[in-house]
N, C-alpha and C. Protein backbone atom coordinates (compact mmCIF):
# COMPACT_ATOMS: atom_id res chain seq x y z
N MET A 1 11.92 -14.01 43.40
CA MET A 1 11.94 -14.15 41.96
C MET A 1 13.08 -15.06 41.54
N ALA A 2 12.76 -16.10 40.86
CA ALA A 2 13.78 -17.07 40.40
C ALA A 2 14.25 -16.71 39.03
N ILE A 3 15.50 -16.91 38.79
CA ILE A 3 16.10 -16.69 37.47
C ILE A 3 16.12 -18.00 36.74
N THR A 4 15.74 -18.00 35.47
CA THR A 4 15.75 -19.18 34.68
C THR A 4 16.93 -19.23 33.75
N LYS A 5 17.23 -20.36 33.20
CA LYS A 5 18.31 -20.48 32.25
C LYS A 5 18.08 -19.59 31.06
N SER A 6 16.82 -19.45 30.63
CA SER A 6 16.51 -18.59 29.47
C SER A 6 16.80 -17.13 29.80
N ASP A 7 16.60 -16.72 31.08
CA ASP A 7 16.94 -15.36 31.53
C ASP A 7 18.42 -15.13 31.39
N VAL A 8 19.24 -16.09 31.83
CA VAL A 8 20.67 -15.97 31.75
C VAL A 8 21.10 -15.92 30.28
N GLU A 9 20.49 -16.72 29.42
CA GLU A 9 20.82 -16.73 27.99
C GLU A 9 20.49 -15.35 27.36
N ARG A 10 19.37 -14.78 27.75
CA ARG A 10 18.96 -13.48 27.21
C ARG A 10 19.95 -12.40 27.66
N ILE A 11 20.31 -12.40 28.95
CA ILE A 11 21.25 -11.43 29.46
C ILE A 11 22.61 -11.62 28.78
N ALA A 12 23.06 -12.86 28.58
CA ALA A 12 24.31 -13.15 27.91
C ALA A 12 24.28 -12.61 26.49
N LYS A 13 23.15 -12.83 25.81
CA LYS A 13 23.03 -12.32 24.42
C LYS A 13 23.08 -10.81 24.37
N LEU A 14 22.41 -10.12 25.31
CA LEU A 14 22.43 -8.68 25.35
C LEU A 14 23.86 -8.16 25.62
N ALA A 15 24.62 -8.90 26.45
CA ALA A 15 25.96 -8.49 26.80
C ALA A 15 26.99 -9.05 25.82
N LYS A 16 26.51 -9.75 24.81
CA LYS A 16 27.37 -10.35 23.76
C LYS A 16 28.39 -11.29 24.40
N LEU A 17 27.92 -12.13 25.31
CA LEU A 17 28.78 -13.09 26.00
C LEU A 17 28.32 -14.50 25.60
N ASP A 18 29.24 -15.42 25.57
CA ASP A 18 28.93 -16.81 25.21
C ASP A 18 29.36 -17.68 26.40
N PHE A 19 28.41 -18.48 26.93
CA PHE A 19 28.69 -19.33 28.08
C PHE A 19 28.34 -20.78 27.70
N SER A 20 29.07 -21.69 28.36
CA SER A 20 28.74 -23.09 28.20
C SER A 20 27.47 -23.36 28.99
N ASP A 21 26.86 -24.55 28.78
CA ASP A 21 25.65 -24.90 29.53
C ASP A 21 25.93 -24.97 31.03
N GLU A 22 27.12 -25.46 31.38
CA GLU A 22 27.48 -25.57 32.81
C GLU A 22 27.55 -24.13 33.44
N GLU A 23 28.17 -23.21 32.69
CA GLU A 23 28.28 -21.81 33.19
C GLU A 23 26.90 -21.18 33.31
N LYS A 24 26.03 -21.43 32.34
CA LYS A 24 24.68 -20.88 32.40
C LYS A 24 23.91 -21.39 33.64
N MET A 25 24.04 -22.66 33.94
CA MET A 25 23.38 -23.23 35.12
C MET A 25 23.98 -22.64 36.38
N ASN A 26 25.32 -22.46 36.41
CA ASN A 26 25.98 -21.85 37.56
C ASN A 26 25.47 -20.42 37.79
N PHE A 27 25.39 -19.64 36.70
CA PHE A 27 24.92 -18.27 36.79
C PHE A 27 23.46 -18.22 37.19
N THR A 28 22.67 -19.14 36.69
CA THR A 28 21.23 -19.23 37.06
C THR A 28 21.13 -19.36 38.59
N HIS A 29 21.87 -20.28 39.15
CA HIS A 29 21.85 -20.54 40.59
C HIS A 29 22.35 -19.30 41.36
N GLN A 30 23.48 -18.73 40.94
CA GLN A 30 24.03 -17.56 41.63
C GLN A 30 23.13 -16.35 41.58
N LEU A 31 22.58 -16.07 40.43
CA LEU A 31 21.69 -14.88 40.32
C LEU A 31 20.40 -15.08 41.15
N SER A 32 19.89 -16.32 41.16
CA SER A 32 18.67 -16.61 41.96
C SER A 32 19.00 -16.40 43.45
N GLU A 33 20.17 -16.77 43.87
CA GLU A 33 20.56 -16.56 45.30
C GLU A 33 20.65 -15.07 45.61
N ILE A 34 21.22 -14.31 44.69
CA ILE A 34 21.35 -12.85 44.90
C ILE A 34 19.98 -12.22 45.01
N LEU A 35 19.09 -12.57 44.11
CA LEU A 35 17.74 -12.00 44.17
C LEU A 35 17.00 -12.46 45.41
N GLY A 36 17.26 -13.68 45.84
CA GLY A 36 16.64 -14.18 47.06
C GLY A 36 17.07 -13.37 48.28
N TYR A 37 18.36 -13.03 48.26
CA TYR A 37 18.90 -12.20 49.35
C TYR A 37 18.26 -10.81 49.32
N MET A 38 18.10 -10.25 48.16
CA MET A 38 17.46 -8.93 48.02
C MET A 38 16.04 -8.97 48.53
N GLU A 39 15.32 -10.07 48.29
CA GLU A 39 13.96 -10.23 48.77
C GLU A 39 13.94 -10.29 50.30
N LYS A 40 14.98 -10.94 50.86
CA LYS A 40 15.09 -11.02 52.33
C LYS A 40 15.25 -9.61 52.92
N LEU A 41 15.99 -8.75 52.23
CA LEU A 41 16.15 -7.38 52.70
C LEU A 41 14.83 -6.62 52.71
N ASN A 42 13.94 -6.98 51.80
CA ASN A 42 12.63 -6.29 51.72
C ASN A 42 11.77 -6.61 52.99
N GLU A 43 12.14 -7.63 53.72
CA GLU A 43 11.38 -8.00 54.93
C GLU A 43 11.70 -7.05 56.12
N LEU A 44 12.77 -6.32 56.01
CA LEU A 44 13.16 -5.42 57.11
C LEU A 44 12.18 -4.27 57.25
N ASP A 45 11.92 -3.89 58.49
CA ASP A 45 11.04 -2.77 58.79
C ASP A 45 11.89 -1.49 58.75
N THR A 46 11.66 -0.66 57.75
CA THR A 46 12.44 0.56 57.62
C THR A 46 11.55 1.81 57.76
N GLU A 47 10.43 1.68 58.37
CA GLU A 47 9.49 2.79 58.53
C GLU A 47 10.09 3.97 59.32
N GLU A 48 10.85 3.68 60.34
CA GLU A 48 11.38 4.72 61.23
C GLU A 48 12.73 5.21 60.80
N ILE A 49 13.27 4.72 59.70
CA ILE A 49 14.59 5.04 59.24
C ILE A 49 14.52 6.11 58.13
N GLU A 50 15.22 7.19 58.40
CA GLU A 50 15.22 8.32 57.41
C GLU A 50 16.09 7.97 56.20
N PRO A 51 15.56 8.22 55.04
CA PRO A 51 16.35 7.93 53.82
C PRO A 51 17.64 8.74 53.78
N THR A 52 18.72 8.12 53.34
CA THR A 52 20.00 8.80 53.23
C THR A 52 20.62 8.47 51.88
N SER A 53 21.51 9.35 51.45
CA SER A 53 22.27 9.06 50.23
C SER A 53 23.57 8.44 50.55
N HIS A 54 24.04 8.59 51.82
CA HIS A 54 25.29 7.99 52.29
C HIS A 54 25.05 7.38 53.70
N VAL A 55 25.70 6.31 53.96
CA VAL A 55 25.58 5.68 55.27
C VAL A 55 26.21 6.60 56.31
N LEU A 56 27.32 7.19 56.01
CA LEU A 56 27.98 8.09 56.98
C LEU A 56 27.53 9.51 56.75
N GLY A 57 27.61 10.32 57.78
CA GLY A 57 27.28 11.73 57.64
C GLY A 57 28.42 12.52 57.03
N ILE A 58 28.57 12.47 55.73
CA ILE A 58 29.65 13.17 55.07
C ILE A 58 29.12 14.39 54.33
N GLN A 59 30.02 15.36 54.11
CA GLN A 59 29.65 16.52 53.34
C GLN A 59 30.86 17.00 52.57
N ASN A 60 30.63 17.74 51.55
CA ASN A 60 31.73 18.27 50.76
C ASN A 60 32.45 19.37 51.54
N GLU A 61 33.77 19.34 51.48
CA GLU A 61 34.59 20.39 52.11
C GLU A 61 35.13 21.24 50.99
N LEU A 62 34.51 22.40 50.83
CA LEU A 62 34.89 23.29 49.74
C LEU A 62 35.72 24.46 50.30
N ARG A 63 36.71 24.84 49.52
CA ARG A 63 37.53 26.00 49.92
C ARG A 63 36.88 27.26 49.39
N GLU A 64 37.28 28.38 49.98
CA GLU A 64 36.82 29.66 49.49
C GLU A 64 37.38 29.90 48.10
N ASP A 65 36.58 30.50 47.23
CA ASP A 65 37.12 30.87 45.92
C ASP A 65 37.99 32.12 46.12
N ARG A 66 39.14 32.09 45.50
CA ARG A 66 40.02 33.26 45.59
C ARG A 66 40.80 33.38 44.29
N GLN A 67 41.09 34.57 43.94
CA GLN A 67 41.86 34.82 42.72
C GLN A 67 43.32 34.61 43.02
N GLU A 68 43.99 33.92 42.14
CA GLU A 68 45.44 33.67 42.29
C GLU A 68 46.14 34.14 41.05
N SER A 69 47.41 34.30 41.16
CA SER A 69 48.18 34.75 39.98
C SER A 69 48.21 33.63 38.94
N TRP A 70 48.42 34.00 37.73
CA TRP A 70 48.51 33.01 36.67
C TRP A 70 49.74 33.31 35.80
N VAL A 71 50.06 32.36 34.97
CA VAL A 71 51.21 32.50 34.11
C VAL A 71 50.80 33.28 32.85
N SER A 72 51.58 34.23 32.50
CA SER A 72 51.27 35.00 31.27
C SER A 72 51.53 34.15 30.03
N GLN A 73 51.01 34.56 28.93
CA GLN A 73 51.19 33.83 27.67
C GLN A 73 52.68 33.76 27.33
N GLU A 74 53.40 34.84 27.50
CA GLU A 74 54.81 34.87 27.19
C GLU A 74 55.57 33.88 28.09
N GLU A 75 55.26 33.85 29.37
CA GLU A 75 55.91 32.95 30.30
C GLU A 75 55.64 31.51 29.93
N ALA A 76 54.39 31.20 29.58
CA ALA A 76 54.01 29.85 29.23
C ALA A 76 54.75 29.39 27.99
N LEU A 77 55.00 30.28 27.06
CA LEU A 77 55.60 29.90 25.79
C LEU A 77 57.11 29.97 25.77
N LYS A 78 57.73 30.51 26.81
CA LYS A 78 59.17 30.75 26.75
C LYS A 78 60.00 29.46 26.68
N ASN A 79 59.47 28.35 27.19
CA ASN A 79 60.18 27.08 27.11
C ASN A 79 59.61 26.13 26.04
N ALA A 80 58.69 26.67 25.22
CA ALA A 80 58.06 25.82 24.19
C ALA A 80 59.11 25.58 23.08
N PRO A 81 59.24 24.32 22.64
CA PRO A 81 60.18 24.03 21.56
C PRO A 81 59.84 24.79 20.28
N LYS A 82 58.53 24.90 20.01
CA LYS A 82 58.09 25.63 18.84
C LYS A 82 56.85 26.45 19.20
N GLN A 83 56.77 27.62 18.65
CA GLN A 83 55.56 28.46 18.85
C GLN A 83 55.27 29.20 17.56
N LYS A 84 54.00 29.50 17.40
CA LYS A 84 53.57 30.22 16.21
C LYS A 84 52.44 31.15 16.56
N LYS A 85 52.61 32.41 16.30
CA LYS A 85 51.60 33.46 16.53
C LYS A 85 51.05 33.39 17.96
N GLY A 86 51.93 33.21 18.95
CA GLY A 86 51.51 33.23 20.33
C GLY A 86 50.91 31.98 20.86
N PHE A 87 51.02 30.85 20.12
CA PHE A 87 50.48 29.52 20.55
C PHE A 87 51.55 28.47 20.45
N PHE A 88 51.34 27.36 21.18
CA PHE A 88 52.26 26.20 21.01
C PHE A 88 52.05 25.66 19.63
N SER A 89 53.13 25.26 18.99
CA SER A 89 53.08 24.65 17.68
C SER A 89 53.43 23.18 17.82
N VAL A 90 52.53 22.32 17.43
CA VAL A 90 52.78 20.86 17.55
C VAL A 90 52.58 20.23 16.17
N PRO A 91 53.23 19.07 15.99
CA PRO A 91 53.08 18.35 14.71
C PRO A 91 51.63 17.97 14.44
N LYS A 92 51.27 17.93 13.15
CA LYS A 92 49.94 17.53 12.76
C LYS A 92 49.83 16.01 12.95
N VAL A 93 48.73 15.58 13.56
CA VAL A 93 48.51 14.16 13.77
C VAL A 93 47.23 13.77 13.12
N ILE A 94 47.34 12.81 12.18
CA ILE A 94 46.16 12.35 11.48
C ILE A 94 45.97 10.88 11.71
N ALA A 95 44.83 10.49 12.26
CA ALA A 95 44.55 9.08 12.51
C ALA A 95 44.08 8.47 11.19
N HIS A 96 44.68 7.36 10.88
CA HIS A 96 44.31 6.65 9.64
C HIS A 96 43.77 5.27 10.03
N GLU A 97 42.50 5.06 9.67
CA GLU A 97 41.89 3.76 9.99
C GLU A 97 42.10 2.82 8.79
N SER A 98 42.44 1.60 9.10
CA SER A 98 42.62 0.61 8.00
C SER A 98 41.42 -0.24 7.82
């Protein structure tokens, strides 16, 4: 599948990019080469190859779930500069758009 200059222009418009005519021709050539390479990969015989999600045989290493101690509310608040009714008190932040 060959990429045309109009294809590159359409993609650039969708991506809100502006290219010179020279850049468009360069991208046309580069994208055509990439698609040509992908077509070359389609020529490979993969009938005997099992589909995989990873090239390497990897798996998640998960630890056992276990209950651990936690910090109490009083301990968490003891170094707070300000607290109010058992919670951290922080300054009000209001975003103002101009």
